[in-house]
């Protein structure tokens, strides 16, 4: 296998097309086809199937894809680090994060990390668990800050706990329960909720909280992945939602927008983790960034 063949292979898979990949790589389509044919012959395996709906991976191609992306990523990082020593360009770290850590915790870690490594560029993406973990598996993200799934932890990933935080039930300041002391869980049942879609772990924890108290599952009015939209709709309705304490106090109390209900009993805790892929060689920049996160989040 040659690096150029792996680059050709990955580009074809990403575009699901030989013609589009050839254009992207500035190659003729016959030259690209020959490169993949030579790669398949050297391995003695068929990696790609062409069909009316585009190019699809075979089972052997699926196995090679993860390794190919990692090899190319490491190659690019090595070049970036060598060029950074010469002052030519900087390396890049792709970080995925859930909305709750974007307000204050992650910015502090990024600032500290970049102060010690001014040649490193960090790109931050916001997203939900499933989408970010899929991007991590595909090599499109280097590390993800999120909550472990409720059912199981995938063997592909290494989960590093960073911080455990209590969840608060939040409402707009004109909500009927906003100024009440000693709110019981049963007091919440007449109201509907604005929450992320399932299977987000906190959504499942919310259901479990009510079921364990012998109450019906919360009625959902709106599902959203946007914390900004969540805050906006709570201000204009009697809906309920939840936020971590740090997210609430760094963003929404400052805006004088939302308030935390004074519950008689605790809700549940959210454990934020840094996640990276176990397979292959772990990029040094990823481990260094996680160490920075541990210092900030502890």
C-alpha atoms as a PDB file:
ATOM      1  CA  UNK A   1       0.000   0.000   0.000  1.00  0.00           C
ATOM      2  CA  UNK A   2       1.117   3.524  -0.778  1.00  0.00           C
ATOM      3  CA  UNK A   3      -0.071   6.717   0.894  1.00  0.00           C
ATOM      4  CA  UNK A   4      -1.351   8.103  -2.405  1.00  0.00           C
ATOM      5  CA  UNK A   5      -3.448   4.953  -2.930  1.00  0.00           C
ATOM      6  CA  UNK A   6      -4.975   5.323   0.536  1.00  0.00           C
ATOM      7  CA  UNK A   7      -5.680   8.987  -0.168  1.00  0.00           C
ATOM      8  CA  UNK A   8      -7.363   8.043  -3.440  1.00  0.00           C
ATOM      9  CA  UNK A   9      -9.389   5.321  -1.684  1.00  0.00           C
ATOM     10  CA  UNK A  10     -10.603   7.627   1.113  1.00  0.00           C
ATOM     11  CA  UNK A  11     -11.533  10.414  -1.313  1.00  0.00           C
ATOM     12  CA  UNK A  12     -13.617   8.044  -3.451  1.00  0.00           C
ATOM     13  CA  UNK A  13     -15.476   6.796  -0.372  1.00  0.00           C
ATOM     14  CA  UNK A  14     -16.170  10.316   0.875  1.00  0.00           C
ATOM     15  CA  UNK A  15     -17.578  11.446  -2.486  1.00  0.00           C
ATOM     16  CA  UNK A  16     -19.172   8.041  -3.332  1.00  0.00           C
ATOM     17  CA  UNK A  17     -17.999   8.691  -6.870  1.00  0.00           C
ATOM     18  CA  UNK A  18     -14.897   8.026  -8.974  1.00  0.00           C
ATOM     19  CA  UNK A  19     -15.572  11.050 -11.195  1.00  0.00           C
ATOM     20  CA  UNK A  20     -16.017  13.516  -8.321  1.00  0.00           C
ATOM     21  CA  UNK A  21     -13.010  12.079  -6.489  1.00  0.00           C
ATOM     22  CA  UNK A  22     -10.889  12.339  -9.645  1.00  0.00           C
ATOM     23  CA  UNK A  23     -11.867  15.996  -9.990  1.00  0.00           C
ATOM     24  CA  UNK A  24     -11.039  16.659  -6.345  1.00  0.00           C
ATOM     25  CA  UNK A  25      -7.659  14.922  -6.670  1.00  0.00           C
ATOM     26  CA  UNK A  26      -6.902  16.569 -10.024  1.00  0.00           C
ATOM     27  CA  UNK A  27      -6.566  13.170 -11.708  1.00  0.00           C
ATOM     28  CA  UNK A  28      -8.167  11.584 -14.732  1.00  0.00           C
ATOM     29  CA  UNK A  29     -10.801   8.985 -13.924  1.00  0.00           C
ATOM     30  CA  UNK A  30      -8.823   6.175 -15.660  1.00  0.00           C
ATOM     31  CA  UNK A  31      -5.753   7.044 -13.578  1.00  0.00           C
ATOM     32  CA  UNK A  32      -7.781   6.944 -10.381  1.00  0.00           C
ATOM     33  CA  UNK A  33      -9.396   3.634 -11.350  1.00  0.00           C
ATOM     34  CA  UNK A  34      -5.947   2.177 -12.051  1.00  0.00           C
ATOM     35  CA  UNK A  35      -4.686   3.324  -8.634  1.00  0.00           C
ATOM     36  CA  UNK A  36      -7.564   1.563  -6.837  1.00  0.00           C
ATOM     37  CA  UNK A  37      -7.225  -1.527  -9.019  1.00  0.00           C
ATOM     38  CA  UNK A  38      -3.508  -1.722  -8.137  1.00  0.00           C
ATOM     39  CA  UNK A  39      -4.332  -1.328  -4.436  1.00  0.00           C
ATOM     40  CA  UNK A  40      -6.930  -4.116  -4.594  1.00  0.00           C
ATOM     41  CA  UNK A  41      -4.515  -6.381  -6.467  1.00  0.00           C
ATOM     42  CA  UNK A  42      -1.748  -5.790  -3.927  1.00  0.00           C
ATOM     43  CA  UNK A  43      -4.138  -6.765  -1.110  1.00  0.00           C
ATOM     44  CA  UNK A  44      -5.853  -9.549  -3.027  1.00  0.00           C
ATOM     45  CA  UNK A  45      -9.207  -8.087  -1.933  1.00  0.00           C
ATOM     46  CA  UNK A  46     -12.089  -6.172  -3.496  1.00  0.00           C
ATOM     47  CA  UNK A  47     -12.550  -2.885  -1.609  1.00  0.00           C
ATOM     48  CA  UNK A  48     -15.236  -1.037  -3.586  1.00  0.00           C
ATOM     49  CA  UNK A  49     -18.411  -1.911  -5.476  1.00  0.00           C
ATOM     50  CA  UNK A  50     -19.740   0.398  -8.179  1.00  0.00           C
ATOM     51  CA  UNK A  51     -23.507   0.584  -8.522  1.00  0.00           C
ATOM     52  CA  UNK A  52     -26.255   2.814  -9.926  1.00  0.00           C
ATOM     53  CA  UNK A  53     -26.376   4.769  -6.664  1.00  0.00           C
ATOM     54  CA  UNK A  54     -22.635   5.357  -6.444  1.00  0.00           C
ATOM     55  CA  UNK A  55     -19.662   3.607  -4.917  1.00  0.00           C
ATOM     56  CA  UNK A  56     -20.097   1.384  -1.856  1.00  0.00           C
ATOM     57  CA  UNK A  57     -17.569  -0.199   0.483  1.00  0.00           C
ATOM     58  CA  UNK A  58     -17.227  -3.968   0.653  1.00  0.00           C
ATOM     59  CA  UNK A  59     -16.730  -5.553   4.062  1.00  0.00           C
ATOM     60  CA  UNK A  60     -12.975  -5.434   3.386  1.00  0.00           C
ATOM     61  CA  UNK A  61     -13.217  -1.793   2.369  1.00  0.00           C
ATOM     62  CA  UNK A  62     -15.062  -0.909   5.580  1.00  0.00           C
ATOM     63  CA  UNK A  63     -12.249  -2.438   7.607  1.00  0.00           C
ATOM     64  CA  UNK A  64      -9.556  -0.610   5.660  1.00  0.00           C
ATOM     65  CA  UNK A  65     -11.366   2.751   5.768  1.00  0.00           C
ATOM     66  CA  UNK A  66     -10.788   3.394   9.470  1.00  0.00           C
ATOM     67  CA  UNK A  67      -7.104   2.555   9.228  1.00  0.00           C
ATOM     68  CA  UNK A  68      -6.663   4.609   6.060  1.00  0.00           C
ATOM     69  CA  UNK A  69      -8.190   7.720   7.654  1.00  0.00           C
ATOM     70  CA  UNK A  70      -6.013   7.319  10.744  1.00  0.00           C
ATOM     71  CA  UNK A  71      -2.835   6.818   8.691  1.00  0.00           C
ATOM     72  CA  UNK A  72      -3.561   9.894   6.585  1.00  0.00           C
ATOM     73  CA  UNK A  73      -4.418  11.930   9.692  1.00  0.00           C
ATOM     74  CA  UNK A  74      -1.138  10.959  11.366  1.00  0.00           C
ATOM     75  CA  UNK A  75       0.776  11.729   8.181  1.00  0.00           C
ATOM     76  CA  UNK A  76      -0.785  15.181   7.984  1.00  0.00           C
ATOM     77  CA  UNK A  77      -0.084  15.833  11.661  1.00  0.00           C
ATOM     78  CA  UNK A  78       3.554  14.823  11.255  1.00  0.00           C
ATOM     79  CA  UNK A  79       3.878  17.232   8.342  1.00  0.00           C
ATOM     80  CA  UNK A  80       2.111  19.961  10.312  1.00  0.00           C
ATOM     81  CA  UNK A  81       4.378  19.548  13.323  1.00  0.00           C
ATOM     82  CA  UNK A  82       7.536  19.562  11.199  1.00  0.00           C
ATOM     83  CA  UNK A  83       6.331  22.612   9.305  1.00  0.00           C
ATOM     84  CA  UNK A  84       5.393  24.319  12.565  1.00  0.00           C
ATOM     85  CA  UNK A  85       9.011  23.902  13.725  1.00  0.00           C
ATOM     86  CA  UNK A  86      10.028  25.749  10.569  1.00  0.00           C
ATOM     87  CA  UNK A  87       7.346  28.374  11.135  1.00  0.00           C
ATOM     88  CA  UNK A  88       5.509  27.422   7.937  1.00  0.00           C
ATOM     89  CA  UNK A  89       2.078  26.373   9.190  1.00  0.00           C
ATOM     90  CA  UNK A  90       0.256  24.990  12.199  1.00  0.00           C
ATOM     91  CA  UNK A  91      -1.343  21.699  13.143  1.00  0.00           C
ATOM     92  CA  UNK A  92      -5.107  21.268  13.488  1.00  0.00           C
ATOM     93  CA  UNK A  93      -7.215  19.661  16.205  1.00  0.00           C
ATOM     94  CA  UNK A  94     -10.902  18.959  15.504  1.00  0.00           C
ATOM     95  CA  UNK A  95     -13.015  19.012  18.689  1.00  0.00           C
ATOM     96  CA  UNK A  96     -16.689  18.084  19.010  1.00  0.00           C
ATOM     97  CA  UNK A  97     -18.647  19.258  22.048  1.00  0.00           C
ATOM     98  CA  UNK A  98     -22.138  19.224  23.484  1.00  0.00           C
ATOM     99  CA  UNK A  99     -23.720  22.632  24.039  1.00  0.00           C
ATOM    100  CA  UNK A 100     -23.427  22.492  27.836  1.00  0.00           C
ATOM    101  CA  UNK A 101     -19.625  22.808  27.836  1.00  0.00           C
ATOM    102  CA  UNK A 102     -19.359  25.459  25.116  1.00  0.00           C
ATOM    103  CA  UNK A 103     -20.195  28.450  27.303  1.00  0.00           C
ATOM    104  CA  UNK A 104     -17.245  28.588  29.681  1.00  0.00           C
ATOM    105  CA  UNK A 105     -15.465  25.291  30.354  1.00  0.00           C
ATOM    106  CA  UNK A 106     -14.272  24.487  26.844  1.00  0.00           C
ATOM    107  CA  UNK A 107     -13.217  28.063  26.003  1.00  0.00           C
ATOM    108  CA  UNK A 108     -10.981  28.103  29.092  1.00  0.00           C
ATOM    109  CA  UNK A 109      -9.349  24.814  28.093  1.00  0.00           C
ATOM    110  CA  UNK A 110      -8.855  25.967  24.493  1.00  0.00           C
ATOM    111  CA  UNK A 111      -7.305  29.255  25.581  1.00  0.00           C
ATOM    112  CA  UNK A 112      -4.905  27.534  27.960  1.00  0.00           C
ATOM    113  CA  UNK A 113      -3.973  24.887  25.379  1.00  0.00           C
ATOM    114  CA  UNK A 114      -3.314  27.436  22.640  1.00  0.00           C
ATOM    115  CA  UNK A 115      -1.300  29.706  24.922  1.00  0.00           C
ATOM    116  CA  UNK A 116       1.232  26.880  25.306  1.00  0.00           C
ATOM    117  CA  UNK A 117       0.948  25.838  21.616  1.00  0.00           C
ATOM    118  CA  UNK A 118       0.472  28.969  19.506  1.00  0.00           C
ATOM    119  CA  UNK A 119       1.060  27.016  16.271  1.00  0.00           C
ATOM    120  CA  UNK A 120      -1.921  24.723  16.852  1.00  0.00           C
ATOM    121  CA  UNK A 121      -5.284  25.535  15.267  1.00  0.00           C
ATOM    122  CA  UNK A 122      -8.408  24.238  17.023  1.00  0.00           C
ATOM    123  CA  UNK A 123     -11.742  23.814  15.233  1.00  0.00           C
ATOM    124  CA  UNK A 124     -14.756  23.339  17.541  1.00  0.00           C
ATOM    125  CA  UNK A 125     -18.024  21.724  16.403  1.00  0.00           C
ATOM    126  CA  UNK A 126     -21.284  21.602  18.376  1.00  0.00           C
ATOM    127  CA  UNK A 127     -23.433  18.487  18.127  1.00  0.00           C
ATOM    128  CA  UNK A 128     -25.403  15.645  19.685  1.00  0.00           C
ATOM    129  CA  UNK A 129     -23.963  12.401  21.033  1.00  0.00           C
ATOM    130  CA  UNK A 130     -24.717  10.062  18.154  1.00  0.00           C
ATOM    131  CA  UNK A 131     -23.625  12.418  15.384  1.00  0.00           C
ATOM    132  CA  UNK A 132     -20.385  13.386  17.131  1.00  0.00           C
ATOM    133  CA  UNK A 133     -19.422   9.800  17.957  1.00  0.00           C
ATOM    134  CA  UNK A 134     -20.048   8.792  14.342  1.00  0.00           C
ATOM    135  CA  UNK A 135     -17.799  11.639  13.204  1.00  0.00           C
ATOM    136  CA  UNK A 136     -15.162  10.541  15.727  1.00  0.00           C
ATOM    137  CA  UNK A 137     -15.323   6.966  14.449  1.00  0.00           C
ATOM    138  CA  UNK A 138     -14.966   8.207  10.868  1.00  0.00           C
ATOM    139  CA  UNK A 139     -11.874  10.228  11.774  1.00  0.00           C
ATOM    140  CA  UNK A 140     -13.581  13.590  11.154  1.00  0.00           C
ATOM    141  CA  UNK A 141     -13.143  14.581  14.812  1.00  0.00           C
ATOM    142  CA  UNK A 142     -10.113  14.018  17.050  1.00  0.00           C
ATOM    143  CA  UNK A 143     -11.814  14.262  20.437  1.00  0.00           C
ATOM    144  CA  UNK A 144     -15.410  14.707  21.639  1.00  0.00           C
ATOM    145  CA  UNK A 145     -16.717  16.207  24.878  1.00  0.00           C
ATOM    146  CA  UNK A 146     -20.005  14.532  25.698  1.00  0.00           C
ATOM    147  CA  UNK A 147     -21.970  12.338  28.093  1.00  0.00           C
ATOM    148  CA  UNK A 148     -21.593   8.530  28.105  1.00  0.00           C
ATOM    149  CA  UNK A 149     -24.591   6.722  26.624  1.00  0.00           C
ATOM    150  CA  UNK A 150     -26.972   5.062  29.053  1.00  0.00           C
ATOM    151  CA  UNK A 151     -26.882   1.572  27.520  1.00  0.00           C
ATOM    152  CA  UNK A 152     -23.194   0.783  26.956  1.00  0.00           C
ATOM    153  CA  UNK A 153     -19.795   2.257  26.177  1.00  0.00           C
ATOM    154  CA  UNK A 154     -18.560   1.280  22.724  1.00  0.00           C
ATOM    155  CA  UNK A 155     -15.262  -0.603  22.763  1.00  0.00           C
ATOM    156  CA  UNK A 156     -13.953   1.632  19.986  1.00  0.00           C
ATOM    157  CA  UNK A 157     -13.753   4.634  22.304  1.00  0.00           C
ATOM    158  CA  UNK A 158     -11.720   5.647  25.342  1.00  0.00           C
ATOM    159  CA  UNK A 159     -13.829   7.634  27.843  1.00  0.00           C
ATOM    160  CA  UNK A 160     -11.973   9.995  30.203  1.00  0.00           C
ATOM    161  CA  UNK A 161     -14.249  11.485  32.911  1.00  0.00           C
ATOM    162  CA  UNK A 162     -13.756  15.231  33.299  1.00  0.00           C
ATOM    163  CA  UNK A 163     -16.502  16.577  35.553  1.00  0.00           C
ATOM    164  CA  UNK A 164     -19.708  15.537  37.288  1.00  0.00           C
ATOM    165  CA  UNK A 165     -22.370  18.235  37.531  1.00  0.00           C
ATOM    166  CA  UNK A 166     -25.909  18.325  38.933  1.00  0.00           C
ATOM    167  CA  UNK A 167     -28.768  19.063  36.556  1.00  0.00           C
ATOM    168  CA  UNK A 168     -31.269  21.801  37.367  1.00  0.00           C
ATOM    169  CA  UNK A 169     -34.870  22.139  36.223  1.00  0.00           C
ATOM    170  CA  UNK A 170     -35.139  25.560  34.568  1.00  0.00           C
ATOM    171  CA  UNK A 171     -38.028  27.811  33.541  1.00  0.00           C
ATOM    172  CA  UNK A 172     -38.699  31.336  32.379  1.00  0.00           C
ATOM    173  CA  UNK A 173     -38.977  33.887  35.173  1.00  0.00           C
ATOM    174  CA  UNK A 174     -42.734  34.312  34.629  1.00  0.00           C
ATOM    175  CA  UNK A 175     -43.430  30.590  35.106  1.00  0.00           C
ATOM    176  CA  UNK A 176     -46.024  29.784  37.852  1.00  0.00           C
ATOM    177  CA  UNK A 177     -43.407  27.762  39.780  1.00  0.00           C
ATOM    178  CA  UNK A 178     -40.529  30.201  39.362  1.00  0.00           C
ATOM    179  CA  UNK A 179     -40.799  31.828  42.815  1.00  0.00           C
ATOM    180  CA  UNK A 180     -42.131  28.833  44.765  1.00  0.00           C
ATOM    181  CA  UNK A 181     -40.018  27.236  47.493  1.00  0.00           C
ATOM    182  CA  UNK A 182     -39.951  23.470  47.906  1.00  0.00           C
ATOM    183  CA  UNK A 183     -41.154  22.348  44.465  1.00  0.00           C
ATOM    184  CA  UNK A 184     -42.028  18.644  44.388  1.00  0.00           C
ATOM    185  CA  UNK A 185     -41.513  16.450  41.365  1.00  0.00           C
ATOM    186  CA  UNK A 186     -45.279  15.882  41.204  1.00  0.00           C
ATOM    187  CA  UNK A 187     -45.754  19.661  40.852  1.00  0.00           C
ATOM    188  CA  UNK A 188     -44.114  19.440  37.439  1.00  0.00           C
ATOM    189  CA  UNK A 189     -46.554  16.959  35.904  1.00  0.00           C
ATOM    190  CA  UNK A 190     -49.079  19.561  34.593  1.00  0.00           C
ATOM    191  CA  UNK A 191     -46.367  21.187  32.475  1.00  0.00           C
ATOM    192  CA  UNK A 192     -44.752  20.007  29.241  1.00  0.00           C
ATOM    193  CA  UNK A 193     -41.070  20.049  28.379  1.00  0.00           C
ATOM    194  CA  UNK A 194     -38.591  21.368  25.821  1.00  0.00           C
ATOM    195  CA  UNK A 195     -35.779  18.812  25.548  1.00  0.00           C
ATOM    196  CA  UNK A 196     -33.283  17.243  23.129  1.00  0.00           C
ATOM    197  CA  UNK A 197     -34.509  14.255  21.111  1.00  0.00           C
ATOM    198  CA  UNK A 198     -33.943  10.704  22.321  1.00  0.00           C
ATOM    199  CA  UNK A 199     -31.631   8.884  22.831  1.00  0.00           C
ATOM    200  CA  UNK A 200     -29.740  11.748  24.501  1.00  0.00           C
ATOM    201  CA  UNK A 201     -28.632  10.412  27.947  1.00  0.00           C
ATOM    202  CA  UNK A 202     -30.136  13.306  29.921  1.00  0.00           C
ATOM    203  CA  UNK A 203     -33.486  12.812  28.199  1.00  0.00           C
ATOM    204  CA  UNK A 204     -33.446   9.173  29.350  1.00  0.00           C
ATOM    205  CA  UNK A 205     -32.404  10.247  32.877  1.00  0.00           C
ATOM    206  CA  UNK A 206     -35.353  12.654  32.988  1.00  0.00           C
ATOM    207  CA  UNK A 207     -37.797   9.858  32.143  1.00  0.00           C
ATOM    208  CA  UNK A 208     -36.184   7.600  34.758  1.00  0.00           C
ATOM    209  CA  UNK A 209     -36.485  10.309  37.422  1.00  0.00           C
ATOM    210  CA  UNK A 210     -40.263  10.487  36.988  1.00  0.00           C
ATOM    211  CA  UNK A 211     -40.822   6.747  36.598  1.00  0.00           C
ATOM    212  CA  UNK A 212     -38.827   5.985  39.760  1.00  0.00           C
ATOM    213  CA  UNK A 213     -41.123   8.375  41.670  1.00  0.00           C
ATOM    214  CA  UNK A 214     -44.214   6.561  40.366  1.00  0.00           C
ATOM    215  CA  UNK A 215     -45.126   9.451  38.065  1.00  0.00           C
ATOM    216  CA  UNK A 216     -45.893   9.381  34.325  1.00  0.00           C
ATOM    217  CA  UNK A 217     -43.099  10.223  31.941  1.00  0.00           C
ATOM    218  CA  UNK A 218     -42.828  13.953  31.178  1.00  0.00           C
ATOM    219  CA  UNK A 219     -44.975  15.232  28.328  1.00  0.00           C
ATOM    220  CA  UNK A 220     -42.777  16.625  25.562  1.00  0.00           C
ATOM    221  CA  UNK A 221     -43.922  19.788  23.792  1.00  0.00           C
ATOM    222  CA  UNK A 222     -40.858  20.530  21.652  1.00  0.00           C
ATOM    223  CA  UNK A 223     -37.659  18.689  20.826  1.00  0.00           C
ATOM    224  CA  UNK A 224     -34.617  20.783  19.954  1.00  0.00           C
ATOM    225  CA  UNK A 225     -30.849  20.512  19.731  1.00  0.00           C
ATOM    226  CA  UNK A 226     -30.407  24.268  20.234  1.00  0.00           C
ATOM    227  CA  UNK A 227     -29.882  25.663  23.736  1.00  0.00           C
ATOM    228  CA  UNK A 228     -30.490  29.161  22.366  1.00  0.00           C
ATOM    229  CA  UNK A 229     -33.907  28.157  21.015  1.00  0.00           C
ATOM    230  CA  UNK A 230     -34.646  26.324  24.276  1.00  0.00           C
ATOM    231  CA  UNK A 231     -34.059  29.513  26.286  1.00  0.00           C
ATOM    232  CA  UNK A 232     -36.141  31.564  23.870  1.00  0.00           C
ATOM    233  CA  UNK A 233     -39.191  29.314  24.031  1.00  0.00           C
ATOM    234  CA  UNK A 234     -39.050  29.018  27.833  1.00  0.00           C
ATOM    235  CA  UNK A 235     -39.249  32.805  28.052  1.00  0.00           C
ATOM    236  CA  UNK A 236     -42.506  32.770  26.066  1.00  0.00           C
ATOM    237  CA  UNK A 237     -44.232  29.765  27.631  1.00  0.00           C
ATOM    238  CA  UNK A 238     -44.789  27.698  30.779  1.00  0.00           C
ATOM    239  CA  UNK A 239     -42.671  24.817  29.496  1.00  0.00           C
ATOM    240  CA  UNK A 240     -39.880  23.225  31.538  1.00  0.00           C
ATOM    241  CA  UNK A 241     -36.378  22.131  30.645  1.00  0.00           C
ATOM    242  CA  UNK A 242     -33.036  21.277  32.258  1.00  0.00           C
ATOM    243  CA  UNK A 243     -29.486  22.614  32.137  1.00  0.00           C
ATOM    244  CA  UNK A 244     -26.266  21.915  33.962  1.00  0.00           C
ATOM    245  CA  UNK A 245     -25.513  24.310  36.783  1.00  0.00           C
ATOM    246  CA  UNK A 246     -22.406  25.741  35.127  1.00  0.00           C
ATOM    247  CA  UNK A 247     -24.214  26.242  31.822  1.00  0.00           C
ATOM    248  CA  UNK A 248     -27.104  27.945  33.585  1.00  0.00           C
ATOM    249  CA  UNK A 249     -25.032  30.344  35.624  1.00  0.00           C
ATOM    250  CA  UNK A 250     -22.497  31.285  32.971  1.00  0.00           C
ATOM    251  CA  UNK A 251     -25.021  31.982  30.226  1.00  0.00           C
ATOM    252  CA  UNK A 252     -28.636  32.443  31.192  1.00  0.00           C
ATOM    253  CA  UNK A 253     -28.502  34.006  34.634  1.00  0.00           C
ATOM    254  CA  UNK A 254     -26.182  36.624  33.147  1.00  0.00           C
ATOM    255  CA  UNK A 255     -28.859  37.383  30.572  1.00  0.00           C
ATOM    256  CA  UNK A 256     -31.493  37.538  33.331  1.00  0.00           C
ATOM    257  CA  UNK A 257     -33.530  35.140  31.231  1.00  0.00           C
ATOM    258  CA  UNK A 258     -34.137  31.870  33.078  1.00  0.00           C
ATOM    259  CA  UNK A 259     -34.352  30.722  36.654  1.00  0.00           C
ATOM    260  CA  UNK A 260     -33.769  27.436  38.468  1.00  0.00           C
ATOM    261  CA  UNK A 261     -36.663  25.758  40.280  1.00  0.00           C
ATOM    262  CA  UNK A 262     -36.133  25.202  44.009  1.00  0.00           C
ATOM    263  CA  UNK A 263     -36.693  21.455  44.069  1.00  0.00           C
ATOM    264  CA  UNK A 264     -37.067  19.521  47.343  1.00  0.00           C
ATOM    265  CA  UNK A 265     -34.959  16.625  46.020  1.00  0.00           C
ATOM    266  CA  UNK A 266     -31.969  16.365  43.670  1.00  0.00           C
ATOM    267  CA  UNK A 267     -32.495  15.376  40.051  1.00  0.00           C
ATOM    268  CA  UNK A 268     -29.532  13.563  38.496  1.00  0.00           C
ATOM    269  CA  UNK A 269     -25.861  14.185  37.755  1.00  0.00           C
ATOM    270  CA  UNK A 270     -24.273  14.507  34.335  1.00  0.00           C
ATOM    271  CA  UNK A 271     -20.719  13.248  33.853  1.00  0.00           C
ATOM    272  CA  UNK A 272     -18.914  14.963  30.996  1.00  0.00           C
ATOM    273  CA  UNK A 273     -16.166  12.897  29.353  1.00  0.00           C
ATOM    274  CA  UNK A 274     -13.477  13.431  26.763  1.00  0.00           C
ATOM    275  CA  UNK A 275     -13.714  10.657  24.166  1.00  0.00           C
ATOM    276  CA  UNK A 276     -11.186   9.531  21.584  1.00  0.00           C
ATOM    277  CA  UNK A 277     -10.693   6.439  19.434  1.00  0.00           C
ATOM    278  CA  UNK A 278      -8.655   3.589  20.882  1.00  0.00           C
ATOM    279  CA  UNK A 279      -7.715   2.034  17.567  1.00  0.00           C
ATOM    280  CA  UNK A 280      -4.232   2.724  16.198  1.00  0.00           C
ATOM    281  CA  UNK A 281      -1.727   5.295  17.392  1.00  0.00           C
ATOM    282  CA  UNK A 282      -3.215   8.115  19.460  1.00  0.00           C
ATOM    283  CA  UNK A 283      -2.196  11.543  18.221  1.00  0.00           C
ATOM    284  CA  UNK A 284       0.051  13.356  20.736  1.00  0.00           C
ATOM    285  CA  UNK A 285      -1.988  16.528  20.294  1.00  0.00           C
ATOM    286  CA  UNK A 286      -5.153  14.669  21.378  1.00  0.00           C
ATOM    287  CA  UNK A 287      -3.567  13.410  24.594  1.00  0.00           C
ATOM    288  CA  UNK A 288      -2.110  16.844  25.357  1.00  0.00           C
ATOM    289  CA  UNK A 289      -5.518  18.478  24.864  1.00  0.00           C
ATOM    290  CA  UNK A 290      -7.216  15.943  27.141  1.00  0.00           C
ATOM    291  CA  UNK A 291      -4.643  16.662  29.840  1.00  0.00           C
ATOM    292  CA  UNK A 292      -5.486  20.352  29.498  1.00  0.00           C
ATOM    293  CA  UNK A 293      -9.184  19.535  29.804  1.00  0.00           C
ATOM    294  CA  UNK A 294      -8.589  17.510  32.972  1.00  0.00           C
ATOM    295  CA  UNK A 295      -6.831  20.477  34.551  1.00  0.00           C
ATOM    296  CA  UNK A 296      -9.624  22.904  33.652  1.00  0.00           C
ATOM    297  CA  UNK A 297     -12.579  20.619  34.436  1.00  0.00           C
ATOM    298  CA  UNK A 298     -11.279  19.251  37.752  1.00  0.00           C
END
